[in-house]
Amino acid sequence: MTIDANTRDCLLTEVERQQKYLDKLPDDFAFPLFNAARALESQRRSGAAAKATRPPRPARSSTTRWKPVQPASTCAWQSPSS
């Protein structure tokens, strides 16, 4: 498949999609260096760690029993007369 600016993203693989957008950048584009300290500070300010953690699940009592499910008399793909 030829990739041009009008090709829809959903039709591209991940690598093709990345290449499509990289091709739009100027030849002398300087990619910024990754700064771990800045990334951590940004996560702290946004509360990312608080959002990512879940409260603990309540303990299930040993008396909880699962009820068996009764099978349906007919399946959706079967005719009622069979």
Protein backbone atom coordinates (compact mmCIF):
# COMPACT_ATOMS: atom_id res chain seq x y z
CA MET A 1 0.00 0.00 0.00
CA THR A 2 1.33 3.41 -0.86
CA ILE A 3 1.21 5.86 1.99
CA ASP A 4 0.26 9.45 1.33
CA ALA A 5 -1.16 12.25 3.47
CA ASN A 6 -4.73 11.29 2.54
CA THR A 7 -4.53 7.62 3.56
CA ARG A 8 -6.82 6.94 6.50
CA ASP A 9 -5.04 5.89 9.70
CA CYS A 10 -7.33 2.91 10.29
CA LEU A 11 -6.08 1.34 7.06
CA LEU A 12 -2.41 1.55 8.09
CA THR A 13 -0.28 -0.64 10.28
CA GLU A 14 1.32 0.98 13.32
CA VAL A 15 4.68 1.36 11.57
CA GLU A 16 3.05 2.83 8.44
CA ARG A 17 1.05 5.28 10.56
CA GLN A 18 4.19 6.42 12.36
CA GLN A 19 6.01 6.82 9.06
CA LYS A 20 3.12 8.87 7.64
CA TYR A 21 3.39 11.44 10.43
CA LEU A 22 7.19 11.39 10.50
CA ASP A 23 7.19 12.22 6.79
CA LYS A 24 5.18 15.37 7.55
CA LEU A 25 7.98 16.75 9.74
CA PRO A 26 10.61 19.02 8.19
CA ASP A 27 13.97 17.39 7.36
CA ASP A 28 15.79 19.47 9.98
CA PHE A 29 13.33 18.72 12.80
CA ALA A 30 15.16 18.28 16.12
CA PHE A 31 13.43 15.72 18.32
CA PRO A 32 13.36 16.78 21.98
CA LEU A 33 15.32 14.59 24.38
CA PHE A 34 13.37 12.61 26.96
CA ASN A 35 13.70 14.09 30.42
CA ALA A 36 12.75 11.53 33.11
CA ALA A 37 12.65 14.12 35.90
CA ARG A 38 10.25 16.30 33.92
CA ALA A 39 8.06 13.29 33.10
CA LEU A 40 7.84 12.28 36.76
CA GLU A 41 7.00 15.80 37.84
CA SER A 42 4.31 16.00 35.18
CA GLN A 43 2.77 12.74 36.41
CA ARG A 44 2.81 13.98 40.00
CA ARG A 45 1.10 17.24 39.06
CA SER A 46 -1.59 15.46 37.07
CA GLY A 47 -2.21 12.90 39.80
CA ALA A 48 -1.49 10.00 37.47
CA ALA A 49 -0.32 7.71 40.29
CA ALA A 50 -3.49 8.35 42.30
CA LYS A 51 -5.66 7.62 39.28
CA ALA A 52 -3.78 4.41 38.44
CA THR A 53 -4.22 2.78 41.87
CA ARG A 54 -7.47 1.09 42.79
CA PRO A 55 -8.93 0.76 46.25
CA PRO A 56 -8.58 -2.78 47.63
CA ARG A 57 -11.39 -5.19 46.90
CA PRO A 58 -13.55 -6.17 49.85
CA ALA A 59 -12.91 -9.68 51.11
CA ARG A 60 -15.49 -12.21 50.05
CA SER A 61 -16.98 -14.21 52.88
CA SER A 62 -16.62 -17.97 52.87
CA THR A 63 -20.42 -18.30 52.98
CA THR A 64 -20.85 -16.78 49.51
CA ARG A 65 -22.04 -19.47 47.15
CA TRP A 66 -22.45 -19.29 43.40
CA LYS A 67 -25.79 -20.48 42.15
CA PRO A 68 -25.68 -22.81 39.15
CA VAL A 69 -27.23 -21.48 35.97
CA GLN A 70 -29.92 -23.62 34.40
CA PRO A 71 -29.31 -24.27 30.70
CA ALA A 72 -31.81 -22.75 28.30
CA SER A 73 -34.23 -25.16 26.66
CA THR A 74 -33.28 -23.94 23.17
CA CYS A 75 -30.30 -22.10 21.78
CA ALA A 76 -30.60 -19.07 19.54
CA TRP A 77 -29.35 -21.07 16.57
CA GLN A 78 -31.72 -23.99 17.11
CA SER A 79 -35.32 -24.06 16.03
CA PRO A 80 -37.83 -24.69 18.83
CA SER A 81 -39.17 -27.84 17.05
CA SER A 82 -35.85 -29.72 17.11
